[in-house]
Amino acid sequence: HRFAYTDVLSGNLSLPAQLFHAVGGFDPDYYPCRDDFELGVRLLLAGAELAFCPGARSRHHDKTDLPRLLQRKRDEGRTDVQLARQYPHIRPALLISRQLTYLKLPSILLRRIAAIWPDGADMLAGALVPLLDTCEKLRMRETWPKIMAGLLVHAYWQGVLRATKDWDEVVALTTAPAPSIGTVD
């Protein structure tokens, strides 16, 4: 396994204080999410070696409901734009780049509507929320995850589109050749 910046997860992380301070600690501009990924990029660029410790344990206490989950996805979209701007060499690995190519048709349409008419896309996504309860009550176990996935994709792209000037910047951030800096993932 080649460790990547995405393997640095602050919910269960240990490193020497001297190294943490030497790379600048957590960047508050990435709060409330992806701050650990951004730290991971800097740790790898500084030559830190990552290792998995199977005995390490942690508990993550979080009560996530749909509004918090959607806000988290918006924050992830926004901070992926920050990561793409600050660290062009990781652009191909970011969700923003992968979703330009690998989304299913309903999510592609919702993303396009969001790029052209954000308020319309928000209304459409808002109309999908009550369908989750309906699907749950009717035990539509195949439909519920599809609606939820669409809502999560939409929230992510809300964050991306609010953090960029326009669709041209999104394309530039995701399709421009990523400079190579060696074997750092």
Protein backbone atom coordinates (compact mmCIF):
# COMPACT_ATOMS: atom_id res chain seq x y z
CA HIS A 1 0.00 0.00 0.00
CA ARG A 2 1.31 3.44 -0.92
CA PHE A 3 0.02 5.89 1.61
CA ALA A 4 -1.62 9.03 0.30
CA TYR A 5 -2.64 12.32 1.85
CA THR A 6 -6.16 10.87 2.21
CA ASP A 7 -4.78 8.34 4.71
CA VAL A 8 -4.07 11.15 7.19
CA LEU A 9 -7.24 11.22 9.26
CA SER A 10 -7.13 13.38 12.35
CA GLY A 11 -9.77 11.30 14.14
CA ASN A 12 -7.03 8.77 14.83
CA LEU A 13 -3.58 10.19 14.23
CA SER A 14 -0.34 10.27 16.10
CA LEU A 15 2.85 12.09 15.14
CA PRO A 16 5.75 13.77 16.91
CA ALA A 17 4.88 17.29 18.07
CA GLN A 18 8.10 18.58 16.50
CA LEU A 19 7.03 17.30 13.05
CA PHE A 20 3.50 18.66 13.51
CA HIS A 21 4.89 22.12 14.28
CA ALA A 22 7.60 21.91 11.60
CA VAL A 23 4.97 21.50 8.85
CA GLY A 24 2.77 24.23 10.34
CA GLY A 25 0.06 22.19 12.07
CA PHE A 26 -3.52 22.32 10.87
CA ASP A 27 -4.41 25.10 8.46
CA PRO A 28 -7.49 26.86 9.89
CA ASP A 29 -8.52 27.92 6.38
CA TYR A 30 -9.59 24.32 5.80
CA TYR A 31 -11.87 24.11 8.81
CA PRO A 32 -14.36 22.40 9.21
CA CYS A 33 -13.18 19.69 6.84
CA ARG A 34 -10.27 18.41 4.78
CA ASP A 35 -7.85 20.00 7.25
CA ASP A 36 -6.41 16.56 7.87
CA PHE A 37 -6.03 15.86 4.11
CA GLU A 38 -4.26 19.20 3.68
CA LEU A 39 -1.96 18.36 6.61
CA GLY A 40 -1.35 14.99 4.94
CA VAL A 41 -0.16 16.69 1.75
CA ARG A 42 2.32 18.79 3.71
CA LEU A 43 3.51 15.83 5.77
CA LEU A 44 4.22 13.80 2.63
CA LEU A 45 5.92 16.76 0.94
CA ALA A 46 8.12 17.07 4.05
CA GLY A 47 9.14 13.43 3.68
CA ALA A 48 7.14 12.04 6.60
CA GLU A 49 6.57 8.31 6.50
CA LEU A 50 3.03 7.14 7.18
CA ALA A 51 2.30 3.83 8.84
CA PHE A 52 -0.82 1.93 9.79
CA CYS A 53 -1.09 0.82 13.39
CA PRO A 54 -3.71 -1.93 13.69
CA GLY A 55 -3.85 -1.58 17.47
CA ALA A 56 -4.74 2.12 17.42
CA ARG A 57 -8.34 2.80 18.39
CA SER A 58 -10.51 5.90 18.60
CA ARG A 59 -14.14 6.77 19.04
CA HIS A 60 -15.76 9.41 16.91
CA HIS A 61 -18.84 10.86 18.56
CA ASP A 62 -20.97 12.57 15.94
CA LYS A 63 -24.69 12.89 15.58
CA THR A 64 -25.23 13.45 11.90
CA ASP A 65 -28.61 14.27 10.49
CA LEU A 66 -29.47 15.12 6.90
CA PRO A 67 -28.94 18.91 7.18
CA ARG A 68 -25.51 18.39 8.80
CA LEU A 69 -24.56 15.75 6.25
CA LEU A 70 -25.49 18.04 3.35
CA GLN A 71 -23.56 20.92 4.92
CA ARG A 72 -20.56 18.63 5.30
CA LYS A 73 -20.73 17.80 1.58
CA ARG A 74 -20.92 21.52 0.68
CA ASP A 75 -17.85 22.12 2.87
CA GLU A 76 -16.03 19.23 1.15
CA GLY A 77 -16.76 20.76 -2.27
CA ARG A 78 -15.47 24.15 -1.14
CA THR A 79 -12.31 22.75 0.40
CA ASP A 80 -11.60 20.49 -2.59
CA VAL A 81 -11.46 23.69 -4.65
CA GLN A 82 -8.97 25.08 -2.11
CA LEU A 83 -6.87 21.92 -2.32
CA ALA A 84 -6.92 21.98 -6.14
CA ARG A 85 -5.74 25.59 -6.16
CA GLN A 86 -3.04 25.14 -3.51
CA TYR A 87 -1.77 21.68 -4.53
CA PRO A 88 -2.26 21.19 -8.29
CA HIS A 89 -0.40 17.86 -8.21
CA ILE A 90 -3.27 16.20 -6.29
CA ARG A 91 -6.05 17.44 -8.60
CA PRO A 92 -6.58 14.08 -10.36
CA ALA A 93 -7.23 12.36 -7.01
CA LEU A 94 -9.77 14.91 -5.79
CA LEU A 95 -13.47 14.10 -5.91
CA ILE A 96 -14.08 17.22 -7.98
CA SER A 97 -11.95 15.76 -10.79
CA ARG A 98 -13.33 12.24 -10.56
CA GLN A 99 -16.93 13.45 -10.58
CA LEU A 100 -16.45 15.28 -13.85
CA THR A 101 -16.04 11.88 -15.49
CA TYR A 102 -17.74 9.22 -13.38
CA LEU A 103 -21.16 10.54 -12.35
CA LYS A 104 -24.39 8.84 -13.41
CA LEU A 105 -26.81 10.71 -15.65
CA PRO A 106 -29.20 12.04 -12.94
CA SER A 107 -26.28 13.52 -10.99
CA ILE A 108 -24.74 14.94 -14.16
CA LEU A 109 -28.02 16.68 -14.98
CA LEU A 110 -28.36 18.06 -11.45
CA ARG A 111 -24.77 19.29 -11.54
CA ARG A 112 -25.35 21.00 -14.91
CA ILE A 113 -28.53 22.63 -13.65
CA ALA A 114 -26.62 23.80 -10.57
CA ALA A 115 -23.94 25.37 -12.79
CA ILE A 116 -26.48 27.18 -14.99
CA TRP A 117 -29.35 27.87 -12.58
CA PRO A 118 -28.29 27.32 -8.96
CA ASP A 119 -31.65 28.30 -7.46
CA GLY A 120 -33.46 25.84 -9.73
CA ALA A 121 -31.12 23.03 -8.77
CA ASP A 122 -31.63 23.86 -5.09
CA MET A 123 -35.42 23.73 -5.57
CA LEU A 124 -35.13 20.37 -7.34
CA ALA A 125 -32.88 18.96 -4.62
CA GLY A 126 -35.24 20.34 -1.95
CA ALA A 127 -38.12 18.50 -3.61
CA LEU A 128 -36.16 15.25 -3.35
CA VAL A 129 -35.70 15.46 0.43
CA PRO A 130 -39.29 14.47 1.34
CA LEU A 131 -38.99 11.51 -1.03
CA LEU A 132 -36.44 9.98 1.32
CA ASP A 133 -39.09 9.54 4.03
CA THR A 134 -41.58 8.23 1.48
CA CYS A 135 -39.08 5.68 0.19
CA GLU A 136 -38.30 4.64 3.75
CA LYS A 137 -41.97 4.17 4.66
CA LEU A 138 -42.64 2.22 1.48
CA ARG A 139 -39.44 0.18 1.95
CA MET A 140 -38.09 1.23 -1.42
CA ARG A 141 -34.61 0.04 -0.56
CA GLU A 142 -33.21 0.49 -4.06
CA THR A 143 -34.60 3.99 -4.62
CA TRP A 144 -33.64 5.57 -1.28
CA PRO A 145 -29.85 5.29 -1.80
CA LYS A 146 -30.14 6.73 -5.30
CA ILE A 147 -32.00 9.80 -4.06
CA MET A 148 -29.55 10.20 -1.17
CA ALA A 149 -26.59 9.90 -3.53
CA GLY A 150 -28.09 12.59 -5.77
CA LEU A 151 -28.58 14.91 -2.79
CA LEU A 152 -24.99 14.37 -1.64
CA VAL A 153 -23.61 15.00 -5.14
CA HIS A 154 -25.71 18.14 -5.41
CA ALA A 155 -24.54 19.45 -2.02
CA TYR A 156 -20.91 18.75 -2.95
CA TRP A 157 -21.28 20.68 -6.21
CA GLN A 158 -23.00 23.54 -4.41
CA GLY A 159 -19.79 23.91 -2.44
CA VAL A 160 -17.62 23.62 -5.55
CA LEU A 161 -19.64 26.14 -7.56
CA ARG A 162 -19.83 28.65 -4.71
CA ALA A 163 -16.04 28.49 -4.29
CA THR A 164 -15.24 29.05 -7.97
CA LYS A 165 -15.75 32.01 -10.27
CA ASP A 166 -17.56 30.05 -12.96
CA TRP A 167 -17.75 26.71 -14.76
CA ASP A 168 -14.61 27.57 -16.76
CA GLU A 169 -12.61 27.69 -13.53
CA VAL A 170 -14.01 24.29 -12.49
CA VAL A 171 -12.90 22.83 -15.82
CA ALA A 172 -9.48 24.48 -15.55
CA LEU A 173 -8.98 23.17 -12.02
CA THR A 174 -9.85 19.63 -13.00
CA THR A 175 -8.47 19.21 -16.50
CA ALA A 176 -5.23 21.19 -16.46
CA PRO A 177 -2.22 18.90 -16.39
CA ALA A 178 -1.11 18.31 -12.84
CA PRO A 179 2.55 19.10 -12.27
CA SER A 180 4.59 16.13 -11.12
CA ILE A 181 6.51 16.35 -7.89
CA GLY A 182 7.67 12.76 -7.83
CA THR A 183 6.05 9.88 -5.99
CA VAL A 184 4.03 11.83 -3.42
CA ASP A 185 0.37 10.82 -3.72
